[in-house]
Amino acid sequence: MKAYWEDAAPGLKLLRATFPNWGFLYDPFAFRWIAVHGQGPTITADTPEDLAERLPATA
């Protein structure tokens, strides 16, 4: 049996490499991907791909 956070690791690794100035979290209890950037807005999505699409192009 896999631990609940193991499935999030590849998505988090890709997001962190693609957007190094952002912080990323995965909430396994809500099944939500979360991006934070300073005191700016918090962006959430259902998948890491959706989250990457929602991030500003200048990120």
C-alpha atoms as a PDB file:
ATOM      1  CA  MET A   1       0.000   0.000   0.000  1.00  0.00           C
ATOM      2  CA  LYS A   2       1.347   3.400  -0.981  1.00  0.00           C
ATOM      3  CA  ALA A   3       1.366   6.302   1.404  1.00  0.00           C
ATOM      4  CA  TYR A   4      -1.026   9.046   0.350  1.00  0.00           C
ATOM      5  CA  TRP A   5       1.760  11.552  -0.395  1.00  0.00           C
ATOM      6  CA  GLU A   6       3.745   9.291  -2.740  1.00  0.00           C
ATOM      7  CA  ASP A   7       1.440   9.931  -5.688  1.00  0.00           C
ATOM      8  CA  ALA A   8       1.895  13.688  -5.288  1.00  0.00           C
ATOM      9  CA  ALA A   9       5.700  13.604  -5.449  1.00  0.00           C
ATOM     10  CA  PRO A  10       6.122  13.624  -9.259  1.00  0.00           C
ATOM     11  CA  GLY A  11       3.600  16.440  -9.687  1.00  0.00           C
ATOM     12  CA  LEU A  12       5.206  18.525  -6.957  1.00  0.00           C
ATOM     13  CA  LYS A  13       8.676  17.950  -8.393  1.00  0.00           C
ATOM     14  CA  LEU A  14       7.594  19.090 -11.861  1.00  0.00           C
ATOM     15  CA  LEU A  15       5.745  22.166 -10.584  1.00  0.00           C
ATOM     16  CA  ARG A  16       8.670  23.211  -8.377  1.00  0.00           C
ATOM     17  CA  ALA A  17      11.133  22.810 -11.269  1.00  0.00           C
ATOM     18  CA  THR A  18       8.916  24.697 -13.714  1.00  0.00           C
ATOM     19  CA  PHE A  19       7.945  27.525 -11.337  1.00  0.00           C
ATOM     20  CA  PRO A  20      10.861  27.917  -8.871  1.00  0.00           C
ATOM     21  CA  ASN A  21       9.550  31.193  -7.397  1.00  0.00           C
ATOM     22  CA  TRP A  22       6.291  29.602  -6.262  1.00  0.00           C
ATOM     23  CA  GLY A  23       5.537  27.321  -3.336  1.00  0.00           C
ATOM     24  CA  PHE A  24       3.457  24.203  -3.951  1.00  0.00           C
ATOM     25  CA  LEU A  25       1.461  21.936  -1.674  1.00  0.00           C
ATOM     26  CA  TYR A  26      -0.815  18.972  -2.144  1.00  0.00           C
ATOM     27  CA  ASP A  27      -3.666  18.486   0.323  1.00  0.00           C
ATOM     28  CA  PRO A  28      -4.439  14.755   0.188  1.00  0.00           C
ATOM     29  CA  PHE A  29      -7.527  15.119   2.363  1.00  0.00           C
ATOM     30  CA  ALA A  30      -9.168  17.675   0.055  1.00  0.00           C
ATOM     31  CA  PHE A  31      -7.485  16.331  -3.118  1.00  0.00           C
ATOM     32  CA  ARG A  32      -6.367  19.883  -3.972  1.00  0.00           C
ATOM     33  CA  TRP A  33      -3.147  21.233  -5.430  1.00  0.00           C
ATOM     34  CA  ILE A  34      -2.152  24.636  -4.048  1.00  0.00           C
ATOM     35  CA  ALA A  35       0.263  27.306  -5.289  1.00  0.00           C
ATOM     36  CA  VAL A  36       1.389  30.269  -3.203  1.00  0.00           C
ATOM     37  CA  HIS A  37       3.589  33.222  -4.141  1.00  0.00           C
ATOM     38  CA  GLY A  38       4.550  35.791  -1.538  1.00  0.00           C
ATOM     39  CA  GLN A  39       1.539  37.742  -0.385  1.00  0.00           C
ATOM     40  CA  GLY A  40      -0.132  37.323  -3.757  1.00  0.00           C
ATOM     41  CA  PRO A  41      -3.134  35.144  -4.455  1.00  0.00           C
ATOM     42  CA  THR A  42      -3.350  31.481  -3.557  1.00  0.00           C
ATOM     43  CA  ILE A  43      -4.243  29.381  -6.587  1.00  0.00           C
ATOM     44  CA  THR A  44      -5.835  25.941  -6.306  1.00  0.00           C
ATOM     45  CA  ALA A  45      -6.695  23.198  -8.782  1.00  0.00           C
ATOM     46  CA  ASP A  46      -7.710  19.549  -9.021  1.00  0.00           C
ATOM     47  CA  THR A  47      -4.553  18.379 -10.809  1.00  0.00           C
ATOM     48  CA  PRO A  48      -0.967  19.612 -11.130  1.00  0.00           C
ATOM     49  CA  GLU A  49      -1.557  20.160 -14.853  1.00  0.00           C
ATOM     50  CA  ASP A  50      -4.560  22.399 -14.154  1.00  0.00           C
ATOM     51  CA  LEU A  51      -2.562  24.289 -11.560  1.00  0.00           C
ATOM     52  CA  ALA A  52       0.289  24.930 -14.017  1.00  0.00           C
ATOM     53  CA  GLU A  53      -2.227  26.304 -16.537  1.00  0.00           C
ATOM     54  CA  ARG A  54      -3.675  28.701 -13.961  1.00  0.00           C
ATOM     55  CA  LEU A  55      -0.351  30.203 -12.922  1.00  0.00           C
ATOM     56  CA  PRO A  56       0.503  33.573 -14.461  1.00  0.00           C
ATOM     57  CA  ALA A  57       2.666  33.361 -17.572  1.00  0.00           C
ATOM     58  CA  THR A  58       5.186  35.713 -15.958  1.00  0.00           C
ATOM     59  CA  ALA A  59       5.744  33.295 -13.090  1.00  0.00           C
END
